[in-house]
Amino acid sequence: MNADVKQVDSFRFVPMMTKKLMQAWYPKEPVQEIPWTPLAKPLEECRIALISSAGLATTGGLPFDQQGERDKPWWGDPGFRRIPRDTQQVRSYHLHINTRYAEEDLNSVLPLHRLAELEAEGAIGAAAETHYSFMGYLPDAGEFLERTVPQIIASLRDERVDIVLLVPV
């Protein structure tokens, strides 16, 4: 890993003492190589979905559990939310990011409009009907990896998505 890469302070929004305790407790995950997978067909024939770690939910939909995280700062909601491609009302429920950017421009955390533009230009085959969001703060990712990820993968396969763009926040 490049030593010049800036590290993200995942604990910047918690009190200093809590931050020190969490940094000492929080496991350090090893950085692993991600295998390259070439496209099986041209980009202009591919269906693309977005997955954001901004903790997004449609307005009026089930929000992420922020109170549980306030009560237990070392816990993050391991669920996910479906975001329809034509949605107009989305809100970020995330205590570890500045949600103002998402409120000002949804495309900064879930670029639905940019994806629609690429579709209209013919640069991609289609934007998927459904996109996804999860809470990027998950100190214990066990349930997320064992339950949530397989559900998202099954939904992506059902919708015949060819490419997934992860939008980390």
N, C-alpha and C. Protein backbone atom coordinates (compact mmCIF):
# COMPACT_ATOMS: atom_id res chain seq x y z
N MET A 1 0.85 -1.18 0.00
CA MET A 1 0.00 0.00 0.00
C MET A 1 0.89 1.24 0.00
N ASN A 2 0.52 2.23 -0.76
CA ASN A 2 1.28 3.46 -0.89
C ASN A 2 1.28 4.24 0.41
N ALA A 3 2.47 4.59 0.90
CA ALA A 3 2.59 5.32 2.17
C ALA A 3 2.06 6.74 2.05
N ASP A 4 1.93 7.27 0.84
CA ASP A 4 1.44 8.63 0.65
C ASP A 4 -0.08 8.73 0.68
N VAL A 5 -0.77 7.61 0.73
CA VAL A 5 -2.22 7.61 0.73
C VAL A 5 -2.73 8.15 2.05
N LYS A 6 -3.64 9.11 1.98
CA LYS A 6 -4.20 9.70 3.19
C LYS A 6 -5.19 8.73 3.84
N GLN A 7 -5.06 8.53 5.12
CA GLN A 7 -5.95 7.65 5.86
C GLN A 7 -7.20 8.42 6.31
N VAL A 8 -8.33 7.76 6.30
CA VAL A 8 -9.59 8.36 6.73
C VAL A 8 -9.75 8.17 8.23
N ASP A 9 -10.11 9.22 8.93
CA ASP A 9 -10.37 9.14 10.37
C ASP A 9 -11.84 8.76 10.57
N SER A 10 -12.11 7.48 10.75
CA SER A 10 -13.48 6.98 10.89
C SER A 10 -14.13 7.41 12.19
N PHE A 11 -13.35 7.94 13.10
CA PHE A 11 -13.87 8.26 14.44
C PHE A 11 -13.91 9.76 14.71
N ARG A 12 -13.83 10.60 13.69
CA ARG A 12 -13.71 12.03 13.92
C ARG A 12 -14.95 12.68 14.53
N PHE A 13 -16.09 12.01 14.49
CA PHE A 13 -17.32 12.61 15.01
C PHE A 13 -17.69 12.09 16.40
N VAL A 14 -16.83 11.34 17.03
CA VAL A 14 -17.12 10.84 18.38
C VAL A 14 -16.20 11.55 19.37
N PRO A 15 -16.59 11.60 20.65
CA PRO A 15 -15.75 12.26 21.66
C PRO A 15 -14.35 11.64 21.71
N MET A 16 -13.36 12.46 22.08
CA MET A 16 -11.95 12.05 22.04
C MET A 16 -11.69 10.77 22.82
N MET A 17 -12.23 10.64 24.04
CA MET A 17 -11.98 9.44 24.85
C MET A 17 -12.57 8.20 24.16
N THR A 18 -13.77 8.34 23.63
CA THR A 18 -14.40 7.23 22.90
C THR A 18 -13.55 6.88 21.68
N LYS A 19 -13.06 7.90 21.00
CA LYS A 19 -12.22 7.68 19.82
C LYS A 19 -10.99 6.86 20.18
N LYS A 20 -10.30 7.22 21.25
CA LYS A 20 -9.09 6.50 21.67
C LYS A 20 -9.41 5.04 22.00
N LEU A 21 -10.51 4.82 22.73
CA LEU A 21 -10.91 3.45 23.08
C LEU A 21 -11.25 2.63 21.84
N MET A 22 -12.01 3.25 20.94
CA MET A 22 -12.42 2.53 19.74
C MET A 22 -11.23 2.22 18.84
N GLN A 23 -10.29 3.15 18.72
CA GLN A 23 -9.11 2.90 17.89
C GLN A 23 -8.28 1.75 18.45
N ALA A 24 -8.22 1.64 19.77
CA ALA A 24 -7.47 0.54 20.38
C ALA A 24 -8.19 -0.79 20.18
N TRP A 25 -9.52 -0.77 20.19
CA TRP A 25 -10.32 -1.99 20.09
C TRP A 25 -10.55 -2.42 18.65
N TYR A 26 -10.74 -1.45 17.77
CA TYR A 26 -11.14 -1.71 16.39
C TYR A 26 -10.11 -2.58 15.67
N PRO A 27 -10.53 -3.71 15.10
CA PRO A 27 -9.57 -4.59 14.43
C PRO A 27 -9.04 -3.96 13.15
N LYS A 28 -7.79 -4.20 12.89
CA LYS A 28 -7.16 -3.71 11.66
C LYS A 28 -7.28 -4.81 10.60
N GLU A 29 -8.10 -4.56 9.61
CA GLU A 29 -8.28 -5.53 8.53
C GLU A 29 -7.11 -5.45 7.56
N PRO A 30 -6.58 -6.59 7.14
CA PRO A 30 -5.48 -6.55 6.17
C PRO A 30 -5.99 -6.09 4.80
N VAL A 31 -5.16 -5.33 4.12
CA VAL A 31 -5.49 -4.90 2.76
C VAL A 31 -5.21 -6.06 1.82
N GLN A 32 -6.19 -6.41 1.00
CA GLN A 32 -6.04 -7.54 0.09
C GLN A 32 -6.20 -7.08 -1.35
N GLU A 33 -5.58 -7.82 -2.25
CA GLU A 33 -5.73 -7.56 -3.67
C GLU A 33 -7.16 -7.89 -4.10
N ILE A 34 -7.69 -7.12 -5.03
CA ILE A 34 -9.00 -7.40 -5.60
C ILE A 34 -8.76 -7.92 -7.01
N PRO A 35 -9.23 -9.13 -7.32
CA PRO A 35 -8.94 -9.69 -8.65
C PRO A 35 -9.64 -8.89 -9.76
N TRP A 36 -8.92 -8.66 -10.83
CA TRP A 36 -9.47 -7.97 -11.98
C TRP A 36 -10.41 -8.91 -12.73
N THR A 37 -11.59 -8.42 -13.08
CA THR A 37 -12.55 -9.19 -13.85
C THR A 37 -12.91 -8.40 -15.10
N PRO A 38 -12.46 -8.84 -16.26
CA PRO A 38 -12.77 -8.10 -17.49
C PRO A 38 -14.25 -8.21 -17.84
N LEU A 39 -14.75 -7.21 -18.56
CA LEU A 39 -16.15 -7.23 -18.99
C LEU A 39 -16.38 -8.35 -19.99
N ALA A 40 -17.54 -8.96 -19.90
CA ALA A 40 -17.90 -10.05 -20.80
C ALA A 40 -18.55 -9.53 -22.08
N LYS A 41 -18.95 -8.25 -22.08
CA LYS A 41 -19.56 -7.66 -23.28
C LYS A 41 -19.24 -6.17 -23.31
N PRO A 42 -19.49 -5.50 -24.41
CA PRO A 42 -19.17 -4.07 -24.51
C PRO A 42 -19.95 -3.23 -23.48
N LEU A 43 -19.33 -2.16 -23.03
CA LEU A 43 -19.93 -1.28 -22.03
C LEU A 43 -21.29 -0.77 -22.49
N GLU A 44 -21.42 -0.49 -23.78
CA GLU A 44 -22.69 0.06 -24.27
C GLU A 44 -23.82 -0.98 -24.29
N GLU A 45 -23.52 -2.20 -23.88
CA GLU A 45 -24.55 -3.24 -23.74
C GLU A 45 -24.78 -3.61 -22.27
N CYS A 46 -24.06 -3.00 -21.36
CA CYS A 46 -24.10 -3.39 -19.95
C CYS A 46 -25.15 -2.63 -19.14
N ARG A 47 -25.76 -3.34 -18.22
CA ARG A 47 -26.68 -2.75 -17.24
C ARG A 47 -25.86 -2.47 -15.99
N ILE A 48 -25.97 -1.23 -15.46
CA ILE A 48 -25.12 -0.80 -14.36
C ILE A 48 -25.96 -0.39 -13.15
N ALA A 49 -25.52 -0.84 -11.98
CA ALA A 49 -26.15 -0.46 -10.71
C ALA A 49 -25.12 0.27 -9.85
N LEU A 50 -25.63 1.11 -8.97
CA LEU A 50 -24.79 1.84 -8.02
C LEU A 50 -25.01 1.30 -6.62
N ILE A 51 -23.93 1.25 -5.84
CA ILE A 51 -24.04 0.91 -4.42
C ILE A 51 -23.28 1.98 -3.65
N SER A 52 -23.97 2.67 -2.75
CA SER A 52 -23.37 3.75 -1.97
C SER A 52 -23.24 3.34 -0.51
N SER A 53 -22.15 3.78 0.11
CA SER A 53 -21.96 3.52 1.54
C SER A 53 -22.41 4.71 2.39
N ALA A 54 -23.26 5.57 1.84
CA ALA A 54 -23.69 6.79 2.52
C ALA A 54 -24.88 6.60 3.45
N GLY A 55 -25.36 5.38 3.63
CA GLY A 55 -26.51 5.17 4.51
C GLY A 55 -27.76 5.85 3.99
N LEU A 56 -28.04 5.71 2.69
CA LEU A 56 -29.17 6.37 2.05
C LEU A 56 -30.45 5.55 2.16
N ALA A 57 -31.55 6.25 2.31
CA ALA A 57 -32.87 5.62 2.27
C ALA A 57 -33.83 6.61 1.62
N THR A 58 -34.85 6.09 0.96
CA THR A 58 -35.84 6.98 0.37
C THR A 58 -36.61 7.67 1.49
N THR A 59 -37.01 8.91 1.23
CA THR A 59 -37.80 9.65 2.21
C THR A 59 -39.11 8.89 2.43
N GLY A 60 -39.42 8.64 3.67
CA GLY A 60 -40.61 7.86 4.01
C GLY A 60 -40.32 6.37 4.11
N GLY A 61 -39.14 5.95 3.64
CA GLY A 61 -38.73 4.55 3.75
C GLY A 61 -38.10 4.29 5.11
N LEU A 62 -37.70 3.05 5.34
CA LEU A 62 -37.08 2.67 6.60
C LEU A 62 -35.69 3.30 6.71
N PRO A 63 -35.46 4.17 7.72
CA PRO A 63 -34.14 4.76 7.88
C PRO A 63 -33.16 3.77 8.49
N PHE A 64 -31.87 4.09 8.40
CA PHE A 64 -30.88 3.29 9.11
C PHE A 64 -30.96 3.62 10.59
N ASP A 65 -30.56 2.68 11.43
CA ASP A 65 -30.71 2.80 12.89
C ASP A 65 -29.61 3.68 13.48
N GLN A 66 -29.87 4.98 13.54
CA GLN A 66 -28.90 5.90 14.11
C GLN A 66 -28.92 5.87 15.64
N GLN A 67 -30.08 5.63 16.23
CA GLN A 67 -30.14 5.60 17.69
C GLN A 67 -29.35 4.42 18.24
N GLY A 68 -29.43 3.28 17.57
CA GLY A 68 -28.63 2.13 17.99
C GLY A 68 -27.15 2.44 17.97
N GLU A 69 -26.74 3.21 16.98
CA GLU A 69 -25.33 3.60 16.88
C GLU A 69 -24.97 4.64 17.95
N ARG A 70 -25.90 5.53 18.26
CA ARG A 70 -25.64 6.50 19.33
C ARG A 70 -25.48 5.78 20.67
N ASP A 71 -26.33 4.78 20.89
CA ASP A 71 -26.28 4.03 22.14
C ASP A 71 -25.04 3.15 22.22
N LYS A 72 -24.62 2.61 21.09
CA LYS A 72 -23.44 1.73 21.02
C LYS A 72 -22.54 2.22 19.88
N PRO A 73 -21.63 3.16 20.15
CA PRO A 73 -20.83 3.77 19.08
C PRO A 73 -19.95 2.79 18.31
N TRP A 74 -19.78 1.60 18.79
CA TRP A 74 -18.96 0.60 18.09
C TRP A 74 -19.82 -0.31 17.21
N TRP A 75 -21.08 0.04 17.03
CA TRP A 75 -22.02 -0.74 16.23
C TRP A 75 -22.48 0.09 15.04
N GLY A 76 -22.71 -0.55 13.90
CA GLY A 76 -23.30 0.10 12.74
C GLY A 76 -24.40 -0.78 12.18
N ASP A 77 -25.46 -0.18 11.67
CA ASP A 77 -26.59 -0.91 11.10
C ASP A 77 -26.10 -1.75 9.92
N PRO A 78 -26.23 -3.08 9.98
CA PRO A 78 -25.70 -3.94 8.91
C PRO A 78 -26.65 -4.15 7.73
N GLY A 79 -27.79 -3.47 7.73
CA GLY A 79 -28.77 -3.67 6.66
C GLY A 79 -28.44 -2.89 5.40
N PHE A 80 -29.37 -2.91 4.46
CA PHE A 80 -29.23 -2.15 3.22
C PHE A 80 -30.59 -1.63 2.82
N ARG A 81 -30.60 -0.67 1.91
CA ARG A 81 -31.84 -0.10 1.40
C ARG A 81 -31.79 -0.11 -0.12
N ARG A 82 -32.94 -0.35 -0.72
CA ARG A 82 -33.09 -0.29 -2.17
C ARG A 82 -33.49 1.15 -2.55
N ILE A 83 -32.86 1.65 -3.59
CA ILE A 83 -33.14 3.00 -4.06
C ILE A 83 -33.58 2.89 -5.53
N PRO A 84 -34.86 3.16 -5.83
CA PRO A 84 -35.32 3.10 -7.23
C PRO A 84 -34.60 4.16 -8.08
N ARG A 85 -34.35 3.83 -9.33
CA ARG A 85 -33.59 4.74 -10.20
C ARG A 85 -34.28 6.08 -10.40
N ASP A 86 -35.61 6.12 -10.34
CA ASP A 86 -36.33 7.36 -10.59
C ASP A 86 -36.70 8.11 -9.31
N THR A 87 -36.11 7.73 -8.19
CA THR A 87 -36.45 8.37 -6.93
C THR A 87 -36.01 9.83 -6.92
N GLN A 88 -36.79 10.66 -6.28
CA GLN A 88 -36.46 12.08 -6.15
C GLN A 88 -36.12 12.45 -4.71
N GLN A 89 -36.58 11.65 -3.76
CA GLN A 89 -36.42 11.99 -2.35
C GLN A 89 -35.59 10.93 -1.64
N VAL A 90 -34.35 11.27 -1.35
CA VAL A 90 -33.44 10.37 -0.65
C VAL A 90 -32.78 11.15 0.48
N ARG A 91 -32.56 10.47 1.59
CA ARG A 91 -31.91 11.10 2.74
C ARG A 91 -30.80 10.19 3.24
N SER A 92 -29.73 10.80 3.74
CA SER A 92 -28.62 10.03 4.32
C SER A 92 -28.81 9.92 5.83
N TYR A 93 -28.74 8.70 6.33
CA TYR A 93 -28.84 8.41 7.77
C TYR A 93 -27.50 7.84 8.22
N HIS A 94 -26.51 8.71 8.33
CA HIS A 94 -25.15 8.24 8.62
C HIS A 94 -24.51 9.22 9.60
N LEU A 95 -24.05 8.73 10.74
CA LEU A 95 -23.46 9.59 11.76
C LEU A 95 -21.97 9.83 11.55
N HIS A 96 -21.36 9.17 10.61
CA HIS A 96 -19.90 9.26 10.45
C HIS A 96 -19.48 10.01 9.20
N ILE A 97 -20.41 10.67 8.54
CA ILE A 97 -20.06 11.52 7.40
C ILE A 97 -20.82 12.83 7.53
N ASN A 98 -20.36 13.82 6.79
CA ASN A 98 -21.08 15.08 6.71
C ASN A 98 -22.17 14.89 5.66
N THR A 99 -23.41 14.78 6.09
CA THR A 99 -24.52 14.48 5.17
C THR A 99 -24.96 15.70 4.36
N ARG A 100 -24.40 16.86 4.65
CA ARG A 100 -24.77 18.07 3.91
C ARG A 100 -24.53 17.90 2.41
N TYR A 101 -23.44 17.21 2.05
CA TYR A 101 -23.13 17.03 0.63
C TYR A 101 -24.22 16.22 -0.07
N ALA A 102 -24.70 15.20 0.59
CA ALA A 102 -25.78 14.38 0.02
C ALA A 102 -27.06 15.20 -0.12
N GLU A 103 -27.32 16.06 0.86
CA GLU A 103 -28.53 16.90 0.81
C GLU A 103 -28.44 17.93 -0.31
N GLU A 104 -27.24 18.49 -0.52
CA GLU A 104 -27.06 19.51 -1.55
C GLU A 104 -27.04 18.91 -2.95
N ASP A 105 -26.44 17.73 -3.10
CA ASP A 105 -26.32 17.10 -4.42
C ASP A 105 -26.25 15.59 -4.25
N LEU A 106 -27.36 14.92 -4.46
CA LEU A 106 -27.41 13.47 -4.32
C LEU A 106 -26.33 12.79 -5.16
N ASN A 107 -25.99 13.37 -6.30
CA ASN A 107 -24.98 12.77 -7.17
C ASN A 107 -23.61 12.65 -6.53
N SER A 108 -23.37 13.40 -5.45
CA SER A 108 -22.07 13.29 -4.77
C SER A 108 -21.94 11.98 -4.01
N VAL A 109 -23.06 11.34 -3.69
CA VAL A 109 -23.03 10.07 -2.95
C VAL A 109 -23.73 8.93 -3.69
N LEU A 110 -24.56 9.26 -4.66
CA LEU A 110 -25.25 8.26 -5.48
C LEU A 110 -25.54 8.91 -6.84
N PRO A 111 -24.62 8.82 -7.79
CA PRO A 111 -24.73 9.57 -9.05
C PRO A 111 -25.78 9.02 -10.03
N LEU A 112 -27.03 9.02 -9.60
CA LEU A 112 -28.12 8.53 -10.44
C LEU A 112 -28.29 9.36 -11.71
N HIS A 113 -28.21 10.69 -11.57
CA HIS A 113 -28.39 11.55 -12.74
C HIS A 113 -27.25 11.39 -13.73
N ARG A 114 -26.03 11.25 -13.25
CA ARG A 114 -24.88 11.04 -14.15
C ARG A 114 -25.03 9.71 -14.89
N LEU A 115 -25.51 8.68 -14.19
CA LEU A 115 -25.71 7.38 -14.82
C LEU A 115 -26.80 7.47 -15.89
N ALA A 116 -27.87 8.22 -15.60
CA ALA A 116 -28.95 8.40 -16.58
C ALA A 116 -28.44 9.15 -17.81
N GLU A 117 -27.54 10.11 -17.61
CA GLU A 117 -26.95 10.82 -18.74
C GLU A 117 -26.13 9.88 -19.62
N LEU A 118 -25.35 9.00 -19.00
CA LEU A 118 -24.56 8.03 -19.77
C LEU A 118 -25.47 7.09 -20.56
N GLU A 119 -26.60 6.72 -19.95
CA GLU A 119 -27.57 5.87 -20.65
C GLU A 119 -28.16 6.62 -21.85
N ALA A 120 -28.55 7.87 -21.65
CA ALA A 120 -29.14 8.67 -22.73
C ALA A 120 -28.16 8.89 -23.88
N GLU A 121 -26.87 9.01 -23.56
CA GLU A 121 -25.84 9.19 -24.58
C GLU A 121 -25.49 7.89 -25.30
N GLY A 122 -25.95 6.75 -24.77
CA GLY A 122 -25.61 5.46 -25.36
C GLY A 122 -24.25 4.94 -24.93
N ALA A 123 -23.64 5.58 -23.93
CA ALA A 123 -22.33 5.13 -23.45
C ALA A 123 -22.43 3.83 -22.67
N ILE A 124 -23.60 3.60 -22.06
CA ILE A 124 -23.87 2.35 -21.34
C ILE A 124 -25.18 1.79 -21.87
N GLY A 125 -25.40 0.50 -21.63
CA GLY A 125 -26.64 -0.12 -22.08
C GLY A 125 -27.85 0.41 -21.33
N ALA A 126 -27.78 0.37 -19.99
CA ALA A 126 -28.91 0.82 -19.18
C ALA A 126 -28.48 1.01 -17.73
N ALA A 127 -29.16 1.93 -17.09
CA ALA A 127 -29.04 2.04 -15.63
C ALA A 127 -30.02 1.03 -15.05
N ALA A 128 -29.59 0.34 -14.01
CA ALA A 128 -30.47 -0.64 -13.36
C ALA A 128 -31.69 0.08 -12.78
N GLU A 129 -32.77 -0.66 -12.62
CA GLU A 129 -33.98 -0.09 -12.01
C GLU A 129 -33.79 0.15 -10.52
N THR A 130 -32.91 -0.64 -9.89
CA THR A 130 -32.71 -0.56 -8.45
C THR A 130 -31.24 -0.34 -8.14
N HIS A 131 -30.99 0.55 -7.19
CA HIS A 131 -29.64 0.80 -6.69
C HIS A 131 -29.68 0.56 -5.19
N TYR A 132 -28.53 0.56 -4.53
CA TYR A 132 -28.47 0.10 -3.14
C TYR A 132 -27.61 1.02 -2.29
N SER A 133 -27.92 1.05 -1.01
CA SER A 133 -27.07 1.78 -0.07
C SER A 133 -26.98 1.00 1.22
N PHE A 134 -25.82 1.12 1.84
CA PHE A 134 -25.61 0.53 3.16
C PHE A 134 -24.86 1.55 4.00
N MET A 135 -24.74 1.27 5.27
CA MET A 135 -24.04 2.15 6.20
C MET A 135 -22.56 1.81 6.12
N GLY A 136 -21.73 2.78 5.74
CA GLY A 136 -20.31 2.52 5.57
C GLY A 136 -19.56 2.28 6.86
N TYR A 137 -20.15 2.60 7.98
CA TYR A 137 -19.48 2.41 9.27
C TYR A 137 -19.95 1.10 9.88
N LEU A 138 -19.13 0.06 9.78
CA LEU A 138 -19.47 -1.26 10.30
C LEU A 138 -18.25 -1.87 10.97
N PRO A 139 -17.96 -1.49 12.22
CA PRO A 139 -16.79 -2.06 12.89
C PRO A 139 -16.78 -3.58 12.91
N ASP A 140 -17.95 -4.19 13.05
CA ASP A 140 -18.06 -5.65 12.98
C ASP A 140 -18.88 -5.96 11.74
N ALA A 141 -18.20 -6.33 10.67
CA ALA A 141 -18.87 -6.54 9.39
C ALA A 141 -19.42 -7.95 9.22
N GLY A 142 -19.37 -8.78 10.25
CA GLY A 142 -19.80 -10.17 10.14
C GLY A 142 -21.19 -10.35 9.58
N GLU A 143 -22.19 -9.74 10.22
CA GLU A 143 -23.58 -9.88 9.76
C GLU A 143 -23.75 -9.28 8.36
N PHE A 144 -23.12 -8.16 8.11
CA PHE A 144 -23.19 -7.52 6.80
C PHE A 144 -22.68 -8.47 5.71
N LEU A 145 -21.53 -9.08 5.95
CA LEU A 145 -20.93 -9.98 4.95
C LEU A 145 -21.70 -11.28 4.80
N GLU A 146 -22.23 -11.79 5.90
CA GLU A 146 -22.91 -13.09 5.87
C GLU A 146 -24.37 -13.01 5.43
N ARG A 147 -25.06 -11.90 5.73
CA ARG A 147 -26.48 -11.80 5.44
C ARG A 147 -26.79 -10.75 4.36
N THR A 148 -26.28 -9.55 4.55
CA THR A 148 -26.64 -8.44 3.67
C THR A 148 -26.04 -8.58 2.28
N VAL A 149 -24.74 -8.82 2.19
CA VAL A 149 -24.09 -8.90 0.88
C VAL A 149 -24.72 -9.98 0.00
N PRO A 150 -24.98 -11.20 0.50
CA PRO A 150 -25.64 -12.19 -0.36
C PRO A 150 -27.02 -11.74 -0.85
N GLN A 151 -27.77 -11.00 -0.03
CA GLN A 151 -29.08 -10.50 -0.46
C GLN A 151 -28.93 -9.48 -1.59
N ILE A 152 -27.96 -8.58 -1.45
CA ILE A 152 -27.73 -7.59 -2.51
C ILE A 152 -27.29 -8.29 -3.79
N ILE A 153 -26.38 -9.25 -3.68
CA ILE A 153 -25.90 -9.98 -4.86
C ILE A 153 -27.06 -10.70 -5.56
N ALA A 154 -27.93 -11.33 -4.79
CA ALA A 154 -29.08 -12.03 -5.37
C ALA A 154 -29.98 -11.05 -6.13
N SER A 155 -30.22 -9.88 -5.55
CA SER A 155 -31.05 -8.87 -6.22
C SER A 155 -30.39 -8.37 -7.50
N LEU A 156 -29.09 -8.15 -7.46
CA LEU A 156 -28.37 -7.71 -8.66
C LEU A 156 -28.45 -8.77 -9.76
N ARG A 157 -28.31 -10.01 -9.38
CA ARG A 157 -28.41 -11.10 -10.37
C ARG A 157 -29.83 -11.20 -10.94
N ASP A 158 -30.84 -11.07 -10.07
CA ASP A 158 -32.23 -11.12 -10.53
C ASP A 158 -32.51 -10.03 -11.56
N GLU A 159 -31.88 -8.88 -11.37
CA GLU A 159 -32.09 -7.75 -12.28
C GLU A 159 -31.12 -7.79 -13.48
N ARG A 160 -30.28 -8.83 -13.53
CA ARG A 160 -29.32 -9.03 -14.61
C ARG A 160 -28.37 -7.83 -14.77
N VAL A 161 -27.82 -7.39 -13.64
CA VAL A 161 -26.85 -6.30 -13.64
C VAL A 161 -25.49 -6.86 -14.06
N ASP A 162 -24.82 -6.14 -14.96
CA ASP A 162 -23.50 -6.56 -15.45
C ASP A 162 -22.36 -5.90 -14.68
N ILE A 163 -22.57 -4.66 -14.28
CA ILE A 163 -21.52 -3.88 -13.61
C ILE A 163 -22.11 -3.21 -12.38
N VAL A 164 -21.34 -3.21 -11.31
CA VAL A 164 -21.73 -2.49 -10.10
C VAL A 164 -20.65 -1.47 -9.81
N LEU A 165 -21.07 -0.23 -9.61
CA LEU A 165 -20.14 0.83 -9.22
C LEU A 165 -20.33 1.11 -7.74
N LEU A 166 -19.29 0.89 -6.96
CA LEU A 166 -19.33 1.20 -5.54
C LEU A 166 -18.97 2.66 -5.36
N VAL A 167 -19.83 3.39 -4.67
CA VAL A 167 -19.60 4.80 -4.39
C VAL A 167 -19.28 4.92 -2.91
N PRO A 168 -17.99 4.81 -2.55
CA PRO A 168 -17.62 4.88 -1.13
C PRO A 168 -17.69 6.32 -0.64
N VAL A 169 -18.19 6.48 0.57
CA VAL A 169 -18.33 7.83 1.14
C VAL A 169 -17.58 7.87 2.45
